[in-house]
Amino acid sequence: MIYDAHELESLKNGTSGTLSFCIKLIEKICWPMVDGFITVSPSILDWYQNKFSHRPSRVVLNSPARDALEGSIKSAYFRQKFSIPDDEKIFSM
């Protein structure tokens, strides 16, 4: 069985304490049956590996590599639409 956790399921924003407890319990009961684990960030992977035990795992980032966007036609959309000069940042992390 492959467990694909798109988020840290039991600690998602807006999850009640009761629901969080139930999710953790289900994950704990099912974890021994997990043959592989997929998630979207290294920190989520670390949490699951530390909370339960290690499983063969992969992190699949749910965003494109930054260099894949450089120079693409779509990357110029906002610059053209709102007349933003090339030397000004649109978004920064």
PDB file of N, CA and C in Angstrom:
ATOM      1  N   MET A   1       0.848  -1.169   0.000  1.00  0.00           N
ATOM      2  CA  MET A   1       0.000   0.000   0.000  1.00  0.00           C
ATOM      3  C   MET A   1       0.899   1.238   0.000  1.00  0.00           C
ATOM      4  N   ILE A   2       0.552   2.209  -0.832  1.00  0.00           N
ATOM      5  CA  ILE A   2       1.265   3.482  -0.888  1.00  0.00           C
ATOM      6  C   ILE A   2       0.394   4.536  -0.234  1.00  0.00           C
ATOM      7  N   TYR A   3       0.948   5.244   0.732  1.00  0.00           N
ATOM      8  CA  TYR A   3       0.229   6.339   1.390  1.00  0.00           C
ATOM      9  C   TYR A   3       0.711   7.640   0.771  1.00  0.00           C
ATOM     10  N   ASP A   4      -0.198   8.384   0.182  1.00  0.00           N
ATOM     11  CA  ASP A   4       0.100   9.657  -0.462  1.00  0.00           C
ATOM     12  C   ASP A   4      -0.481  10.768   0.398  1.00  0.00           C
ATOM     13  N   ALA A   5       0.344  11.372   1.243  1.00  0.00           N
ATOM     14  CA  ALA A   5      -0.098  12.439   2.141  1.00  0.00           C
ATOM     15  C   ALA A   5       0.222  13.786   1.509  1.00  0.00           C
ATOM     16  N   HIS A   6      -0.805  14.444   1.012  1.00  0.00           N
ATOM     17  CA  HIS A   6      -0.609  15.735   0.360  1.00  0.00           C
ATOM     18  C   HIS A   6      -0.317  16.840   1.367  1.00  0.00           C
ATOM     19  N   GLU A   7      -0.688  16.615   2.597  1.00  0.00           N
ATOM     20  CA  GLU A   7      -0.437  17.569   3.670  1.00  0.00           C
ATOM     21  C   GLU A   7      -0.137  16.764   4.933  1.00  0.00           C
ATOM     22  N   LEU A   8       0.170  17.462   5.988  1.00  0.00           N
ATOM     23  CA  LEU A   8       0.290  16.819   7.292  1.00  0.00           C
ATOM     24  C   LEU A   8      -1.147  16.656   7.779  1.00  0.00           C
ATOM     25  N   GLU A   9      -1.756  15.542   7.410  1.00  0.00           N
ATOM     26  CA  GLU A   9      -3.201  15.366   7.485  1.00  0.00           C
ATOM     27  C   GLU A   9      -3.808  15.684   8.844  1.00  0.00           C
ATOM     28  N   SER A  10      -3.192  15.248   9.909  1.00  0.00           N
ATOM     29  CA  SER A  10      -3.798  15.425  11.231  1.00  0.00           C
ATOM     30  C   SER A  10      -3.626  16.842  11.776  1.00  0.00           C
ATOM     31  N   LEU A  11      -2.785  17.643  11.160  1.00  0.00           N
ATOM     32  CA  LEU A  11      -2.541  18.997  11.660  1.00  0.00           C
ATOM     33  C   LEU A  11      -2.927  20.078  10.653  1.00  0.00           C
ATOM     34  N   LYS A  12      -3.815  19.745   9.714  1.00  0.00           N
ATOM     35  CA  LYS A  12      -4.267  20.734   8.736  1.00  0.00           C
ATOM     36  C   LYS A  12      -5.011  21.859   9.441  1.00  0.00           C
ATOM     37  N   ASN A  13      -4.853  23.055   8.947  1.00  0.00           N
ATOM     38  CA  ASN A  13      -5.553  24.210   9.486  1.00  0.00           C
ATOM     39  C   ASN A  13      -7.059  23.979   9.422  1.00  0.00           C
ATOM     40  N   GLY A  14      -7.739  24.236  10.520  1.00  0.00           N
ATOM     41  CA  GLY A  14      -9.191  24.074  10.564  1.00  0.00           C
ATOM     42  C   GLY A  14      -9.655  22.710  11.026  1.00  0.00           C
ATOM     43  N   THR A  15      -8.725  21.790  11.280  1.00  0.00           N
ATOM     44  CA  THR A  15      -9.094  20.454  11.757  1.00  0.00           C
ATOM     45  C   THR A  15      -9.352  20.516  13.258  1.00  0.00           C
ATOM     46  N   SER A  16     -10.496  20.027  13.688  1.00  0.00           N
ATOM     47  CA  SER A  16     -10.822  20.039  15.116  1.00  0.00           C
ATOM     48  C   SER A  16      -9.915  19.073  15.873  1.00  0.00           C
ATOM     49  N   GLY A  17      -9.839  19.247  17.177  1.00  0.00           N
ATOM     50  CA  GLY A  17      -9.027  18.361  18.005  1.00  0.00           C
ATOM     51  C   GLY A  17      -9.468  16.912  17.915  1.00  0.00           C
ATOM     52  N   THR A  18     -10.781  16.706  17.873  1.00  0.00           N
ATOM     53  CA  THR A  18     -11.320  15.346  17.783  1.00  0.00           C
ATOM     54  C   THR A  18     -10.955  14.703  16.453  1.00  0.00           C
ATOM     55  N   LEU A  19     -11.142  15.446  15.359  1.00  0.00           N
ATOM     56  CA  LEU A  19     -10.806  14.914  14.043  1.00  0.00           C
ATOM     57  C   LEU A  19      -9.304  14.666  13.931  1.00  0.00           C
ATOM     58  N   SER A  20      -8.493  15.574  14.461  1.00  0.00           N
ATOM     59  CA  SER A  20      -7.044  15.400  14.446  1.00  0.00           C
ATOM     60  C   SER A  20      -6.648  14.118  15.178  1.00  0.00           C
ATOM     61  N   PHE A  21      -7.242  13.869  16.335  1.00  0.00           N
ATOM     62  CA  PHE A  21      -6.969  12.663  17.097  1.00  0.00           C
ATOM     63  C   PHE A  21      -7.354  11.414  16.294  1.00  0.00           C
ATOM     64  N   CYS A  22      -8.530  11.452  15.668  1.00  0.00           N
ATOM     65  CA  CYS A  22      -8.997  10.301  14.878  1.00  0.00           C
ATOM     66  C   CYS A  22      -8.074  10.019  13.695  1.00  0.00           C
ATOM     67  N   ILE A  23      -7.623  11.078  13.019  1.00  0.00           N
ATOM     68  CA  ILE A  23      -6.725  10.891  11.880  1.00  0.00           C
ATOM     69  C   ILE A  23      -5.414  10.276  12.342  1.00  0.00           C
ATOM     70  N   LYS A  24      -4.849  10.791  13.447  1.00  0.00           N
ATOM     71  CA  LYS A  24      -3.597  10.224  13.978  1.00  0.00           C
ATOM     72  C   LYS A  24      -3.777   8.760  14.355  1.00  0.00           C
ATOM     73  N   LEU A  25      -4.902   8.432  14.945  1.00  0.00           N
ATOM     74  CA  LEU A  25      -5.169   7.046  15.342  1.00  0.00           C
ATOM     75  C   LEU A  25      -5.251   6.138  14.118  1.00  0.00           C
ATOM     76  N   ILE A  26      -5.976   6.560  13.097  1.00  0.00           N
ATOM     77  CA  ILE A  26      -6.093   5.774  11.868  1.00  0.00           C
ATOM     78  C   ILE A  26      -4.722   5.599  11.219  1.00  0.00           C
ATOM     79  N   GLU A  27      -3.940   6.703  11.154  1.00  0.00           N
ATOM     80  CA  GLU A  27      -2.602   6.612  10.564  1.00  0.00           C
ATOM     81  C   GLU A  27      -1.718   5.645  11.359  1.00  0.00           C
ATOM     82  N   LYS A  28      -1.809   5.711  12.682  1.00  0.00           N
ATOM     83  CA  LYS A  28      -0.985   4.832  13.528  1.00  0.00           C
ATOM     84  C   LYS A  28      -1.357   3.362  13.322  1.00  0.00           C
ATOM     85  N   ILE A  29      -2.654   3.092  13.226  1.00  0.00           N
ATOM     86  CA  ILE A  29      -3.114   1.716  13.023  1.00  0.00           C
ATOM     87  C   ILE A  29      -2.701   1.211  11.640  1.00  0.00           C
ATOM     88  N   CYS A  30      -2.797   2.060  10.630  1.00  0.00           N
ATOM     89  CA  CYS A  30      -2.529   1.645   9.248  1.00  0.00           C
ATOM     90  C   CYS A  30      -1.053   1.688   8.871  1.00  0.00           C
ATOM     91  N   TRP A  31      -0.240   2.468   9.608  1.00  0.00           N
ATOM     92  CA  TRP A  31       1.162   2.672   9.231  1.00  0.00           C
ATOM     93  C   TRP A  31       1.942   1.367   9.014  1.00  0.00           C
ATOM     94  N   PRO A  32       1.758   0.327   9.846  1.00  0.00           N
ATOM     95  CA  PRO A  32       2.500  -0.918   9.607  1.00  0.00           C
ATOM     96  C   PRO A  32       2.206  -1.572   8.252  1.00  0.00           C
ATOM     97  N   MET A  33       1.076  -1.239   7.640  1.00  0.00           N
ATOM     98  CA  MET A  33       0.712  -1.803   6.342  1.00  0.00           C
ATOM     99  C   MET A  33       1.228  -0.968   5.171  1.00  0.00           C
ATOM    100  N   VAL A  34       1.809   0.189   5.458  1.00  0.00           N
ATOM    101  CA  VAL A  34       2.296   1.078   4.404  1.00  0.00           C
ATOM    102  C   VAL A  34       3.617   0.546   3.859  1.00  0.00           C
ATOM    103  N   ASP A  35       3.643   0.305   2.545  1.00  0.00           N
ATOM    104  CA  ASP A  35       4.856  -0.167   1.870  1.00  0.00           C
ATOM    105  C   ASP A  35       5.692   0.991   1.325  1.00  0.00           C
ATOM    106  N   GLY A  36       5.029   2.106   1.061  1.00  0.00           N
ATOM    107  CA  GLY A  36       5.714   3.277   0.533  1.00  0.00           C
ATOM    108  C   GLY A  36       4.951   4.526   0.893  1.00  0.00           C
ATOM    109  N   PHE A  37       5.669   5.634   0.971  1.00  0.00           N
ATOM    110  CA  PHE A  37       5.077   6.888   1.422  1.00  0.00           C
ATOM    111  C   PHE A  37       5.480   8.013   0.481  1.00  0.00           C
ATOM    112  N   ILE A  38       4.501   8.807   0.044  1.00  0.00           N
ATOM    113  CA  ILE A  38       4.737   9.957  -0.824  1.00  0.00           C
ATOM    114  C   ILE A  38       4.167  11.190  -0.137  1.00  0.00           C
ATOM    115  N   THR A  39       4.913  12.281  -0.184  1.00  0.00           N
ATOM    116  CA  THR A  39       4.407  13.537   0.358  1.00  0.00           C
ATOM    117  C   THR A  39       4.980  14.709  -0.428  1.00  0.00           C
ATOM    118  N   VAL A  40       4.572  15.923  -0.063  1.00  0.00           N
ATOM    119  CA  VAL A  40       4.921  17.093  -0.867  1.00  0.00           C
ATOM    120  C   VAL A  40       6.026  17.962  -0.270  1.00  0.00           C
ATOM    121  N   SER A  41       6.542  17.615   0.908  1.00  0.00           N
ATOM    122  CA  SER A  41       7.631  18.425   1.466  1.00  0.00           C
ATOM    123  C   SER A  41       8.509  17.596   2.400  1.00  0.00           C
ATOM    124  N   PRO A  42       9.788  17.955   2.476  1.00  0.00           N
ATOM    125  CA  PRO A  42      10.699  17.230   3.370  1.00  0.00           C
ATOM    126  C   PRO A  42      10.280  17.316   4.838  1.00  0.00           C
ATOM    127  N   SER A  43       9.703  18.444   5.256  1.00  0.00           N
ATOM    128  CA  SER A  43       9.309  18.570   6.662  1.00  0.00           C
ATOM    129  C   SER A  43       8.156  17.631   7.008  1.00  0.00           C
ATOM    130  N   ILE A  44       7.227  17.428   6.085  1.00  0.00           N
ATOM    131  CA  ILE A  44       6.144  16.474   6.327  1.00  0.00           C
ATOM    132  C   ILE A  44       6.698  15.054   6.382  1.00  0.00           C
ATOM    133  N   LEU A  45       7.625  14.742   5.482  1.00  0.00           N
ATOM    134  CA  LEU A  45       8.270  13.427   5.499  1.00  0.00           C
ATOM    135  C   LEU A  45       8.953  13.198   6.845  1.00  0.00           C
ATOM    136  N   ASP A  46       9.711  14.180   7.314  1.00  0.00           N
ATOM    137  CA  ASP A  46      10.396  14.050   8.611  1.00  0.00           C
ATOM    138  C   ASP A  46       9.403  13.809   9.734  1.00  0.00           C
ATOM    139  N   TRP A  47       8.277  14.528   9.738  1.00  0.00           N
ATOM    140  CA  TRP A  47       7.284  14.382  10.805  1.00  0.00           C
ATOM    141  C   TRP A  47       6.762  12.949  10.849  1.00  0.00           C
ATOM    142  N   TYR A  48       6.365  12.416   9.681  1.00  0.00           N
ATOM    143  CA  TYR A  48       5.827  11.051   9.639  1.00  0.00           C
ATOM    144  C   TYR A  48       6.889  10.022  10.029  1.00  0.00           C
ATOM    145  N   GLN A  49       8.112  10.189   9.536  1.00  0.00           N
ATOM    146  CA  GLN A  49       9.170   9.220   9.846  1.00  0.00           C
ATOM    147  C   GLN A  49       9.503   9.244  11.349  1.00  0.00           C
ATOM    148  N   ASN A  50       9.458  10.427  11.965  1.00  0.00           N
ATOM    149  CA  ASN A  50       9.742  10.532  13.404  1.00  0.00           C
ATOM    150  C   ASN A  50       8.563  10.103  14.265  1.00  0.00           C
ATOM    151  N   LYS A  51       7.353  10.399  13.827  1.00  0.00           N
ATOM    152  CA  LYS A  51       6.157  10.072  14.606  1.00  0.00           C
ATOM    153  C   LYS A  51       5.858   8.574  14.573  1.00  0.00           C
ATOM    154  N   PHE A  52       6.055   7.960  13.422  1.00  0.00           N
ATOM    155  CA  PHE A  52       5.765   6.536  13.281  1.00  0.00           C
ATOM    156  C   PHE A  52       7.079   5.776  13.100  1.00  0.00           C
ATOM    157  N   SER A  53       7.399   5.365  11.911  1.00  0.00           N
ATOM    158  CA  SER A  53       8.678   4.710  11.646  1.00  0.00           C
ATOM    159  C   SER A  53       9.033   4.942  10.180  1.00  0.00           C
ATOM    160  N   HIS A  54      10.251   4.596   9.836  1.00  0.00           N
ATOM    161  CA  HIS A  54      10.716   4.837   8.475  1.00  0.00           C
ATOM    162  C   HIS A  54      10.063   3.867   7.486  1.00  0.00           C
ATOM    163  N   ARG A  55       9.711   4.417   6.342  1.00  0.00           N
ATOM    164  CA  ARG A  55       9.174   3.659   5.217  1.00  0.00           C
ATOM    165  C   ARG A  55       9.881   4.156   3.966  1.00  0.00           C
ATOM    166  N   PRO A  56       9.991   3.335   2.923  1.00  0.00           N
ATOM    167  CA  PRO A  56      10.510   3.845   1.659  1.00  0.00           C
ATOM    168  C   PRO A  56       9.661   5.050   1.244  1.00  0.00           C
ATOM    169  N   SER A  57      10.308   6.173   0.986  1.00  0.00           N
ATOM    170  CA  SER A  57       9.575   7.427   0.802  1.00  0.00           C
ATOM    171  C   SER A  57      10.119   8.257  -0.343  1.00  0.00           C
ATOM    172  N   ARG A  58       9.263   9.111  -0.858  1.00  0.00           N
ATOM    173  CA  ARG A  58       9.636  10.075  -1.888  1.00  0.00           C
ATOM    174  C   ARG A  58       8.933  11.396  -1.589  1.00  0.00           C
ATOM    175  N   VAL A  59       9.647  12.483  -1.809  1.00  0.00           N
ATOM    176  CA  VAL A  59       9.048  13.811  -1.756  1.00  0.00           C
ATOM    177  C   VAL A  59       8.825  14.245  -3.197  1.00  0.00           C
ATOM    178  N   VAL A  60       7.581  14.587  -3.508  1.00  0.00           N
ATOM    179  CA  VAL A  60       7.228  15.074  -4.832  1.00  0.00           C
ATOM    180  C   VAL A  60       6.723  16.496  -4.648  1.00  0.00           C
ATOM    181  N   LEU A  61       7.583  17.465  -4.973  1.00  0.00           N
ATOM    182  CA  LEU A  61       7.198  18.856  -4.785  1.00  0.00           C
ATOM    183  C   LEU A  61       6.038  19.202  -5.702  1.00  0.00           C
ATOM    184  N   ASN A  62       5.080  19.932  -5.160  1.00  0.00           N
ATOM    185  CA  ASN A  62       3.903  20.265  -5.960  1.00  0.00           C
ATOM    186  C   ASN A  62       4.015  21.663  -6.574  1.00  0.00           C
ATOM    187  N   SER A  63       5.229  22.017  -6.956  1.00  0.00           N
ATOM    188  CA  SER A  63       5.448  23.282  -7.657  1.00  0.00           C
ATOM    189  C   SER A  63       6.568  23.069  -8.672  1.00  0.00           C
ATOM    190  N   PRO A  64       6.528  23.813  -9.766  1.00  0.00           N
ATOM    191  CA  PRO A  64       7.581  23.637 -10.771  1.00  0.00           C
ATOM    192  C   PRO A  64       8.908  24.201 -10.285  1.00  0.00           C
ATOM    193  N   ALA A  65       9.984  23.683 -10.817  1.00  0.00           N
ATOM    194  CA  ALA A  65      11.297  24.229 -10.498  1.00  0.00           C
ATOM    195  C   ALA A  65      11.347  25.669 -10.996  1.00  0.00           C
ATOM    196  N   ARG A  66      11.951  26.526 -10.209  1.00  0.00           N
ATOM    197  CA  ARG A  66      11.994  27.945 -10.557  1.00  0.00           C
ATOM    198  C   ARG A  66      12.639  28.178 -11.922  1.00  0.00           C
ATOM    199  N   ASP A  67      13.716  27.454 -12.211  1.00  0.00           N
ATOM    200  CA  ASP A  67      14.395  27.656 -13.494  1.00  0.00           C
ATOM    201  C   ASP A  67      13.536  27.187 -14.672  1.00  0.00           C
ATOM    202  N   ALA A  68      12.547  26.341 -14.413  1.00  0.00           N
ATOM    203  CA  ALA A  68      11.652  25.919 -15.487  1.00  0.00           C
ATOM    204  C   ALA A  68      10.744  27.066 -15.931  1.00  0.00           C
ATOM    205  N   LEU A  69      10.524  28.024 -15.035  1.00  0.00           N
ATOM    206  CA  LEU A  69       9.659  29.155 -15.354  1.00  0.00           C
ATOM    207  C   LEU A  69      10.413  30.303 -16.016  1.00  0.00           C
ATOM    208  N   GLU A  70      11.712  30.363 -15.780  1.00  0.00           N
ATOM    209  CA  GLU A  70      12.511  31.453 -16.326  1.00  0.00           C
ATOM    210  C   GLU A  70      12.436  31.452 -17.850  1.00  0.00           C
ATOM    211  N   GLY A  71      12.126  32.589 -18.407  1.00  0.00           N
ATOM    212  CA  GLY A  71      12.122  32.731 -19.847  1.00  0.00           C
ATOM    213  C   GLY A  71      10.921  32.137 -20.557  1.00  0.00           C
ATOM    214  N   SER A  72       9.984  31.565 -19.827  1.00  0.00           N
ATOM    215  CA  SER A  72       8.820  30.997 -20.499  1.00  0.00           C
ATOM    216  C   SER A  72       7.858  32.118 -20.894  1.00  0.00           C
ATOM    217  N   ILE A  73       7.023  31.826 -21.849  1.00  0.00           N
ATOM    218  CA  ILE A  73       6.051  32.821 -22.315  1.00  0.00           C
ATOM    219  C   ILE A  73       5.113  33.217 -21.182  1.00  0.00           C
ATOM    220  N   LYS A  74       4.666  32.253 -20.385  1.00  0.00           N
ATOM    221  CA  LYS A  74       3.735  32.541 -19.303  1.00  0.00           C
ATOM    222  C   LYS A  74       4.351  33.414 -18.221  1.00  0.00           C
ATOM    223  N   SER A  75       5.669  33.344 -18.021  1.00  0.00           N
ATOM    224  CA  SER A  75       6.294  34.137 -16.965  1.00  0.00           C
ATOM    225  C   SER A  75       6.232  35.626 -17.265  1.00  0.00           C
ATOM    226  N   ALA A  76       6.013  36.005 -18.512  1.00  0.00           N
ATOM    227  CA  ALA A  76       5.938  37.421 -18.882  1.00  0.00           C
ATOM    228  C   ALA A  76       4.503  37.943 -18.859  1.00  0.00           C
ATOM    229  N   TYR A  77       3.546  37.101 -18.570  1.00  0.00           N
ATOM    230  CA  TYR A  77       2.136  37.506 -18.626  1.00  0.00           C
ATOM    231  C   TYR A  77       1.843  38.721 -17.741  1.00  0.00           C
ATOM    232  N   PHE A  78       2.193  38.651 -16.453  1.00  0.00           N
ATOM    233  CA  PHE A  78       1.898  39.756 -15.541  1.00  0.00           C
ATOM    234  C   PHE A  78       2.700  41.008 -15.888  1.00  0.00           C
ATOM    235  N   ARG A  79       3.924  40.807 -16.311  1.00  0.00           N
ATOM    236  CA  ARG A  79       4.738  41.960 -16.703  1.00  0.00           C
ATOM    237  C   ARG A  79       4.083  42.728 -17.851  1.00  0.00           C
ATOM    238  N   GLN A  80       3.600  41.993 -18.827  1.00  0.00           N
ATOM    239  CA  GLN A  80       2.963  42.647 -19.974  1.00  0.00           C
ATOM    240  C   GLN A  80       1.602  43.229 -19.601  1.00  0.00           C
ATOM    241  N   LYS A  81       0.808  42.479 -18.882  1.00  0.00           N
ATOM    242  CA  LYS A  81      -0.547  42.906 -18.528  1.00  0.00           C
ATOM    243  C   LYS A  81      -0.547  44.160 -17.669  1.00  0.00           C
ATOM    244  N   PHE A  82       0.418  44.257 -16.712  1.00  0.00           N
ATOM    245  CA  PHE A  82       0.426  45.371 -15.777  1.00  0.00           C
ATOM    246  C   PHE A  82       1.624  46.302 -15.956  1.00  0.00           C
ATOM    247  N   SER A  83       2.312  46.171 -17.077  1.00  0.00           N
ATOM    248  CA  SER A  83       3.471  47.032 -17.406  1.00  0.00           C
ATOM    249  C   SER A  83       4.512  47.047 -16.289  1.00  0.00           C
ATOM    250  N   ILE A  84       4.911  45.864 -15.846  1.00  0.00           N
ATOM    251  CA  ILE A  84       5.919  45.734 -14.793  1.00  0.00           C
ATOM    252  C   ILE A  84       7.279  45.572 -15.463  1.00  0.00           C
ATOM    253  N   PRO A  85       8.232  46.452 -15.133  1.00  0.00           N
ATOM    254  CA  PRO A  85       9.568  46.343 -15.753  1.00  0.00           C
ATOM    255  C   PRO A  85      10.246  45.019 -15.400  1.00  0.00           C
ATOM    256  N   ASP A  86      11.133  44.566 -16.281  1.00  0.00           N
ATOM    257  CA  ASP A  86      11.844  43.296 -16.093  1.00  0.00           C
ATOM    258  C   ASP A  86      12.705  43.279 -14.845  1.00  0.00           C
ATOM    259  N   ASP A  87      13.198  44.422 -14.393  1.00  0.00           N
ATOM    260  CA  ASP A  87      14.091  44.458 -13.240  1.00  0.00           C
ATOM    261  C   ASP A  87      13.346  44.532 -11.907  1.00  0.00           C
ATOM    262  N   GLU A  88      12.015  44.544 -11.904  1.00  0.00           N
ATOM    263  CA  GLU A  88      11.243  44.554 -10.656  1.00  0.00           C
ATOM    264  C   GLU A  88      10.703  43.166 -10.364  1.00  0.00           C
ATOM    265  N   LYS A  89      10.815  42.760  -9.078  1.00  0.00           N
ATOM    266  CA  LYS A  89      10.306  41.454  -8.654  1.00  0.00           C
ATOM    267  C   LYS A  89       8.779  41.499  -8.587  1.00  0.00           C
ATOM    268  N   ILE A  90       8.171  40.410  -9.005  1.00  0.00           N
ATOM    269  CA  ILE A  90       6.718  40.261  -8.881  1.00  0.00           C
ATOM    270  C   ILE A  90       6.395  39.503  -7.606  1.00  0.00           C
ATOM    271  N   PHE A  91       7.227  38.521  -7.309  1.00  0.00           N
ATOM    272  CA  PHE A  91       7.013  37.686  -6.119  1.00  0.00           C
ATOM    273  C   PHE A  91       8.356  37.233  -5.597  1.00  0.00           C
ATOM    274  N   SER A  92       8.479  37.202  -4.287  1.00  0.00           N
ATOM    275  CA  SER A  92       9.728  36.757  -3.688  1.00  0.00           C
ATOM    276  C   SER A  92       9.421  35.871  -2.496  1.00  0.00           C
ATOM    277  N   MET A  93      10.217  34.819  -2.332  1.00  0.00           N
ATOM    278  CA  MET A  93      10.040  33.921  -1.194  1.00  0.00           C
ATOM    279  C   MET A  93      11.123  34.158  -0.185  1.00  0.00           C
TER     280      MET A  93
END
